[in-house]
Amino acid sequence: MASSVTASSRASGFVQSHRVNLQGPWYEIALDQIRAVRAADVPEGVVLMDAGYGADTRLRTEITVLGLTYVAVIQPHTSVWAPGTGPLPPKPWSGRGRPTSRTRRDAEHRPIQAKALALDLPASAWETITWREGSADWLTSRYARIRVRTGHRDEKLQAPRAEEWLLVEWPEDEAEPTKYWLSTLPADIPFAELVDLTKLRWRIERDYQDLKQELGLGHYEGRGWLASIITPRSASPPTAS
């Protein structure tokens, strides 16, 4: 969620009044932190997750249920349905027994790995995007984006998952793609804006370091609730890192 919490008094008040659950599965802790920041009426933004969080289908699903959008780093082996493909519908009911309700796969209808999809893209799918000015030069790389559906255990679902963006970075001097993200940002978002929001995690990390210094916590290296829920500048809580 968007936030400009920089004053130590405001940050301290938030910490004291919005403690979160630190027991249970880590993804539940992350969700509890998100709910706490929503309860504080912080303007909503985009949930940004590194691979440790972004690879978890449960967490991404629950963030969507909360009505939030995300950009999540994923692993190259994440299974996705290529454009124009998807799981088969449930088998027609034979009239006997309980009707089937789950989607299906067969030898010809199966998801593929994100890396395989990226390597199979035509050259025209890749664009050079400049997203902001760095300390020495403009930050530029080569990207492709594709509308996909994730395939993780979707044979247990009654309908295919909604489409979302698969964003892939492949610098021209690299032998293969280097980074992968899934995002539920709108289908009509401009390409450069999608990349810019994806790259916000780095800026938030820098702002977090500045905030630690302002609060006298420059030596603090933990990954507990204090480090996670005070997210300065912009984007969403928790900025998983």
Protein backbone atom coordinates (compact mmCIF):
# COMPACT_ATOMS: atom_id res chain seq x y z
CA MET A 1 0.00 0.00 0.00
CA ALA A 2 1.25 3.45 -0.79
CA SER A 3 2.85 5.15 2.17
CA SER A 4 5.05 8.11 2.90
CA VAL A 5 5.79 7.21 6.54
CA THR A 6 9.04 9.03 7.22
CA ALA A 7 8.49 11.00 10.44
CA SER A 8 9.64 8.96 13.42
CA SER A 9 6.64 10.02 15.54
CA ARG A 10 4.13 8.83 12.96
CA ALA A 11 6.01 5.59 12.39
CA SER A 12 6.24 4.97 16.12
CA GLY A 13 2.51 5.52 16.54
CA PHE A 14 1.76 3.08 13.77
CA VAL A 15 3.99 0.41 15.29
CA GLN A 16 2.45 0.78 18.74
CA SER A 17 -1.16 0.59 17.51
CA HIS A 18 -0.90 -2.09 14.83
CA ARG A 19 0.96 -5.07 16.20
CA VAL A 20 0.58 -8.20 14.13
CA ASN A 21 0.51 -11.91 14.67
CA LEU A 22 3.96 -13.52 14.57
CA GLN A 23 2.74 -17.08 15.09
CA GLY A 24 1.82 -19.58 12.40
CA PRO A 25 2.88 -20.02 8.77
CA TRP A 26 4.99 -17.23 7.35
CA TYR A 27 2.46 -16.46 4.61
CA GLU A 28 -0.20 -15.92 7.28
CA ILE A 29 2.15 -13.52 9.04
CA ALA A 30 2.60 -11.63 5.75
CA LEU A 31 -1.16 -11.46 5.22
CA ASP A 32 -1.69 -10.27 8.77
CA GLN A 33 0.80 -7.47 8.16
CA ILE A 34 -1.06 -6.44 5.01
CA ARG A 35 -4.38 -6.41 6.87
CA ALA A 36 -2.83 -4.32 9.64
CA VAL A 37 -1.66 -1.65 7.22
CA ARG A 38 -5.07 -1.62 5.52
CA ALA A 39 -6.67 -1.12 8.93
CA ALA A 40 -4.46 1.95 9.37
CA ASP A 41 -6.11 3.49 6.27
CA VAL A 42 -2.82 3.78 4.40
CA PRO A 43 -3.58 4.54 0.72
CA GLU A 44 -3.45 1.34 -1.29
CA GLY A 45 -0.79 0.55 -3.83
CA VAL A 46 0.80 -2.58 -5.23
CA VAL A 47 2.11 -5.51 -3.17
CA LEU A 48 5.70 -6.18 -4.21
CA MET A 49 7.18 -9.59 -3.38
CA ASP A 50 10.54 -11.23 -3.84
CA ALA A 51 10.79 -14.89 -4.85
CA GLY A 52 10.54 -16.13 -1.28
CA TYR A 53 7.01 -14.77 -1.09
CA GLY A 54 6.05 -14.51 -4.75
CA ALA A 55 6.50 -18.21 -5.42
CA ASP A 56 3.72 -19.08 -2.97
CA THR A 57 0.41 -19.55 -4.80
CA ARG A 58 -1.56 -19.33 -1.54
CA LEU A 59 -0.18 -15.89 -0.73
CA ARG A 60 -0.76 -14.52 -4.22
CA THR A 61 -4.32 -15.88 -4.20
CA GLU A 62 -5.15 -14.37 -0.81
CA ILE A 63 -3.76 -10.99 -1.85
CA THR A 64 -6.12 -11.06 -4.83
CA VAL A 65 -9.03 -12.02 -2.55
CA LEU A 66 -8.22 -8.92 -0.48
CA GLY A 67 -8.74 -6.84 -3.61
CA LEU A 68 -5.08 -5.87 -3.98
CA THR A 69 -2.79 -6.16 -6.98
CA TYR A 70 0.74 -7.53 -6.83
CA VAL A 71 4.03 -7.89 -8.64
CA ALA A 72 5.75 -11.09 -7.54
CA VAL A 73 9.18 -12.45 -8.42
CA ILE A 74 8.84 -16.11 -9.45
CA GLN A 75 11.18 -18.94 -10.35
CA PRO A 76 11.82 -19.89 -14.01
CA HIS A 77 10.19 -23.30 -13.45
CA THR A 78 6.83 -21.80 -12.41
CA SER A 79 4.11 -23.47 -14.46
CA VAL A 80 1.93 -21.26 -16.65
CA TRP A 81 -0.55 -21.75 -19.47
CA ALA A 82 0.66 -20.14 -22.68
CA PRO A 83 -1.69 -17.69 -24.43
CA GLY A 84 -4.54 -19.54 -26.10
CA THR A 85 -4.17 -22.64 -23.93
CA GLY A 86 -5.70 -23.74 -20.65
CA PRO A 87 -7.02 -26.69 -18.70
CA LEU A 88 -9.88 -28.76 -20.06
CA PRO A 89 -13.36 -28.28 -18.60
CA PRO A 90 -14.79 -30.90 -16.24
CA LYS A 91 -15.90 -34.16 -17.84
CA PRO A 92 -19.55 -34.22 -18.92
CA TRP A 93 -21.73 -35.98 -16.38
CA SER A 94 -22.63 -39.53 -17.38
CA GLY A 95 -25.82 -39.45 -15.37
CA ARG A 96 -24.46 -41.78 -12.73
CA GLY A 97 -22.62 -40.95 -9.54
CA ARG A 98 -21.54 -37.49 -8.48
CA PRO A 99 -20.96 -34.98 -11.32
CA THR A 100 -17.32 -34.01 -11.76
CA SER A 101 -16.49 -30.36 -11.15
CA ARG A 102 -12.71 -30.06 -11.54
CA THR A 103 -10.75 -28.94 -14.57
CA ARG A 104 -8.62 -31.51 -16.33
CA ARG A 105 -5.32 -32.03 -18.11
CA ASP A 106 -4.22 -34.59 -20.64
CA ALA A 107 -1.11 -35.25 -22.71
CA GLU A 108 -1.92 -32.34 -25.05
CA HIS A 109 -3.25 -29.89 -22.47
CA ARG A 110 -0.58 -29.14 -19.91
CA PRO A 111 1.06 -25.97 -18.60
CA ILE A 112 4.69 -25.22 -19.38
CA GLN A 113 7.50 -23.62 -17.43
CA ALA A 114 7.81 -19.83 -17.57
CA LYS A 115 11.35 -20.17 -18.87
CA ALA A 116 10.27 -22.43 -21.74
CA LEU A 117 7.57 -19.95 -22.72
CA ALA A 118 10.05 -17.07 -22.63
CA LEU A 119 12.62 -18.87 -24.77
CA ASP A 120 9.94 -19.66 -27.34
CA LEU A 121 8.85 -16.04 -27.80
CA PRO A 122 9.60 -14.39 -31.14
CA ALA A 123 12.15 -11.60 -31.32
CA SER A 124 9.31 -9.10 -31.84
CA ALA A 125 8.00 -9.81 -28.33
CA TRP A 126 11.06 -8.24 -26.68
CA GLU A 127 11.27 -4.50 -26.11
CA THR A 128 13.96 -2.30 -24.65
CA ILE A 129 12.46 -0.38 -21.73
CA THR A 130 14.03 2.53 -19.84
CA TRP A 131 12.32 2.92 -16.48
CA ARG A 132 14.23 5.65 -14.64
CA GLU A 133 17.47 7.58 -14.33
CA GLY A 134 20.13 5.91 -12.21
CA SER A 135 23.04 7.48 -10.36
CA ALA A 136 25.33 7.13 -13.36
CA ASP A 137 23.07 6.52 -16.36
CA TRP A 138 19.52 5.65 -17.39
CA LEU A 139 18.40 2.18 -16.30
CA THR A 140 17.50 0.12 -19.34
CA SER A 141 16.96 -3.54 -20.14
CA ARG A 142 15.04 -5.83 -22.49
CA TYR A 143 11.64 -7.22 -21.50
CA ALA A 144 8.74 -9.25 -22.78
CA ARG A 145 5.27 -9.50 -21.25
CA ILE A 146 2.61 -12.13 -21.90
CA ARG A 147 -0.88 -12.71 -20.58
CA VAL A 148 -0.90 -16.13 -18.90
CA ARG A 149 -2.77 -18.21 -16.34
CA THR A 150 -0.77 -19.91 -13.62
CA GLY A 151 -0.99 -23.71 -13.62
CA HIS A 152 -0.03 -24.74 -10.09
CA ARG A 153 -2.38 -27.60 -9.13
CA ASP A 154 -5.22 -26.08 -11.12
CA GLU A 155 -6.55 -29.57 -11.82
CA LYS A 156 -7.99 -29.29 -8.30
CA LEU A 157 -9.99 -26.18 -9.24
CA GLN A 158 -13.43 -25.87 -10.76
CA ALA A 159 -12.37 -23.16 -13.22
CA PRO A 160 -9.11 -21.83 -14.65
CA ARG A 161 -7.41 -19.01 -12.78
CA ALA A 162 -7.74 -15.48 -14.10
CA GLU A 163 -5.19 -14.15 -16.55
CA GLU A 164 -2.29 -12.05 -15.31
CA TRP A 165 0.95 -10.67 -16.62
CA LEU A 166 4.11 -12.72 -16.95
CA LEU A 167 6.97 -10.23 -17.21
CA VAL A 168 10.41 -11.48 -18.22
CA GLU A 169 13.73 -9.66 -18.28
CA TRP A 170 16.41 -10.77 -20.73
CA PRO A 171 19.39 -8.40 -21.00
CA GLU A 172 20.96 -8.46 -24.42
CA ASP A 173 24.33 -9.51 -23.01
CA GLU A 174 22.89 -12.57 -21.24
CA ALA A 175 22.52 -16.06 -22.73
CA GLU A 176 19.00 -16.53 -21.35
CA PRO A 177 16.32 -14.64 -19.40
CA THR A 178 17.40 -13.56 -15.93
CA LYS A 179 14.23 -12.55 -14.05
CA TYR A 180 10.56 -13.48 -14.03
CA TRP A 181 7.54 -11.82 -12.42
CA LEU A 182 3.80 -12.44 -12.21
CA SER A 183 1.53 -9.42 -11.87
CA THR A 184 -2.18 -8.75 -11.50
CA LEU A 185 -1.81 -5.14 -12.60
CA PRO A 186 -4.44 -4.15 -15.21
CA ALA A 187 -4.33 -5.73 -18.65
CA ASP A 188 -4.15 -2.28 -20.26
CA ILE A 189 -1.23 -0.96 -18.19
CA PRO A 190 1.46 0.60 -20.41
CA PHE A 191 4.54 -1.58 -20.76
CA ALA A 192 6.94 1.00 -19.31
CA GLU A 193 4.68 1.56 -16.29
CA LEU A 194 4.56 -2.17 -15.59
CA VAL A 195 8.36 -2.32 -15.59
CA ASP A 196 8.65 0.81 -13.44
CA LEU A 197 6.32 -0.58 -10.75
CA THR A 198 8.15 -3.90 -10.87
CA LYS A 199 11.43 -2.13 -10.16
CA LEU A 200 10.04 -0.20 -7.17
CA ARG A 201 11.28 -2.87 -4.76
CA TRP A 202 14.83 -1.63 -5.13
CA ARG A 203 13.82 1.96 -4.31
CA ILE A 204 11.78 0.81 -1.31
CA GLU A 205 14.76 -1.12 0.00
CA ARG A 206 16.81 2.07 -0.17
CA ASP A 207 14.10 4.09 1.58
CA TYR A 208 13.83 1.40 4.24
CA GLN A 209 17.54 1.76 4.95
CA ASP A 210 17.12 5.54 5.22
CA LEU A 211 14.18 5.13 7.61
CA LYS A 212 16.19 2.76 9.80
CA GLN A 213 18.85 5.42 10.13
CA GLU A 214 16.25 8.08 10.97
CA LEU A 215 14.80 5.91 13.74
CA GLY A 216 18.21 5.02 15.12
CA LEU A 217 17.95 1.42 13.91
CA GLY A 218 20.81 1.43 11.44
CA HIS A 219 22.27 -1.64 13.11
CA TYR A 220 18.97 -3.56 12.96
CA GLU A 221 19.17 -6.58 10.64
CA GLY A 222 16.02 -8.51 11.57
CA ARG A 223 13.15 -9.63 9.38
CA GLY A 224 10.47 -9.34 12.07
CA TRP A 225 7.23 -7.43 12.11
CA LEU A 226 8.85 -4.01 12.68
CA ALA A 227 11.06 -4.38 9.61
CA SER A 228 8.20 -5.56 7.46
CA ILE A 229 5.24 -3.32 8.20
CA ILE A 230 6.92 0.09 8.17
CA THR A 231 7.23 0.47 4.42
CA PRO A 232 8.25 3.98 3.35
CA ARG A 233 7.64 5.89 0.15
CA SER A 234 5.28 3.77 -1.94
CA ALA A 235 4.10 0.35 -2.95
CA SER A 236 2.64 -2.05 -0.54
CA PRO A 237 2.95 -3.76 2.76
CA PRO A 238 4.75 -5.87 3.32
CA THR A 239 7.37 -5.27 0.70
CA ALA A 240 8.62 -8.82 1.04
CA SER A 241 12.36 -8.98 0.98
